[in-house]
Amino acid sequence: MLKPEVVFFGETIPPTRFAAAERLLASAEALLVAGSSLAVNSGMRLVQRAQRRDLPIVIVNRGPTRADPRATVRIEAGTSEVLGALAERLPVP
């Protein structure tokens, strides 16, 4: 059986994958949440860790999320359009 390398709603995030996300967040200057309602606790745990570090939290989503009150910036839009526009403005290394 083939399964994409994603975590579906209701599934548990593999501990090694969550630990990798925590390591990335530990050296991050901000947290960008794109296309998630943050209905699952693992996503909210990352938001809470970012908030404890006083990191800016940017949320891009169509519809409300559980972390809206914690967001520094909340963009009500689709991820493809917003992330595409952002990528066009970033300097090319």
Protein backbone atom coordinates (compact mmCIF):
# COMPACT_ATOMS: atom_id res chain seq x y z
CA MET A 1 0.00 0.00 0.00
CA LEU A 2 1.27 3.45 -0.86
CA LYS A 3 0.77 6.38 1.46
CA PRO A 4 2.06 9.92 1.00
CA GLU A 5 4.51 11.17 3.59
CA VAL A 6 1.95 13.31 5.38
CA VAL A 7 0.06 13.03 8.64
CA PHE A 8 -3.67 12.83 8.12
CA PHE A 9 -6.20 14.30 10.53
CA GLY A 10 -6.59 12.00 13.52
CA GLU A 11 -3.20 10.36 13.06
CA THR A 12 -0.32 10.72 15.46
CA ILE A 13 2.75 12.61 14.30
CA PRO A 14 5.77 10.32 14.48
CA PRO A 15 7.91 11.40 17.46
CA THR A 16 11.03 11.81 15.30
CA ARG A 17 9.17 14.16 12.94
CA PHE A 18 7.83 16.28 15.82
CA ALA A 19 11.31 16.41 17.38
CA ALA A 20 12.68 17.65 14.05
CA ALA A 21 10.02 20.39 13.99
CA GLU A 22 10.98 21.41 17.52
CA ARG A 23 14.66 21.63 16.53
CA LEU A 24 13.77 23.85 13.57
CA LEU A 25 11.65 26.07 15.79
CA ALA A 26 14.46 26.36 18.34
CA SER A 27 16.61 28.21 15.80
CA ALA A 28 13.78 30.05 14.02
CA GLU A 29 13.14 33.78 14.03
CA ALA A 30 9.39 33.33 13.41
CA LEU A 31 6.74 30.67 12.97
CA LEU A 32 4.67 30.50 9.78
CA VAL A 33 1.55 28.34 9.93
CA ALA A 34 0.12 27.79 6.46
CA GLY A 35 -3.10 25.99 5.62
CA SER A 36 -3.94 24.52 9.02
CA SER A 37 -6.81 25.11 11.39
CA LEU A 38 -4.49 23.88 14.16
CA ALA A 39 -7.23 21.58 15.39
CA VAL A 40 -4.60 19.02 16.38
CA ASN A 41 -2.61 19.47 19.57
CA SER A 42 0.80 18.89 18.02
CA GLY A 43 0.42 21.98 15.83
CA MET A 44 -0.74 24.03 18.79
CA ARG A 45 2.24 22.82 20.84
CA LEU A 46 4.56 24.37 18.27
CA VAL A 47 2.58 27.62 18.41
CA GLN A 48 2.80 27.64 22.20
CA ARG A 49 6.57 27.08 22.08
CA ALA A 50 6.94 29.95 19.61
CA GLN A 51 4.83 32.19 21.83
CA ARG A 52 6.95 31.35 24.90
CA ARG A 53 10.01 32.51 22.95
CA ASP A 54 8.19 35.71 21.88
CA LEU A 55 8.57 34.76 18.22
CA PRO A 56 6.30 36.39 15.65
CA ILE A 57 3.55 33.96 14.64
CA VAL A 58 2.09 34.35 11.15
CA ILE A 59 -1.00 32.37 10.19
CA VAL A 60 -2.18 31.97 6.60
CA ASN A 61 -5.45 30.08 6.33
CA ARG A 62 -8.93 30.22 4.89
CA GLY A 63 -11.11 30.20 7.96
CA PRO A 64 -10.39 30.55 11.67
CA THR A 65 -7.71 28.65 13.55
CA ARG A 66 -7.26 27.83 17.22
CA ALA A 67 -4.18 30.04 17.33
CA ASP A 68 -5.73 33.21 15.89
CA PRO A 69 -5.60 35.01 19.26
CA ARG A 70 -1.85 34.24 19.47
CA ALA A 71 -1.02 35.38 15.93
CA THR A 72 1.13 38.41 15.29
CA VAL A 73 -0.26 38.50 11.75
CA ARG A 74 -3.32 36.64 10.48
CA ILE A 75 -3.87 36.42 6.70
CA GLU A 76 -7.27 35.20 5.53
CA ALA A 77 -6.31 33.70 2.18
CA GLY A 78 -5.17 30.57 0.42
CA THR A 79 -1.68 29.25 0.98
CA SER A 80 -0.82 28.90 -2.72
CA GLU A 81 -1.42 32.54 -3.50
CA VAL A 82 0.22 33.91 -0.34
CA LEU A 83 3.26 31.63 -0.32
CA GLY A 84 3.74 32.10 -4.07
CA ALA A 85 3.71 35.89 -3.67
CA LEU A 86 6.10 35.64 -0.73
CA ALA A 87 8.51 33.42 -2.67
CA GLU A 88 8.60 35.95 -5.52
CA ARG A 89 9.74 38.66 -3.09
CA LEU A 90 12.46 36.70 -1.30
CA PRO A 91 16.04 37.25 -2.40
CA VAL A 92 17.54 34.40 -4.39
CA PRO A 93 20.63 32.98 -2.64
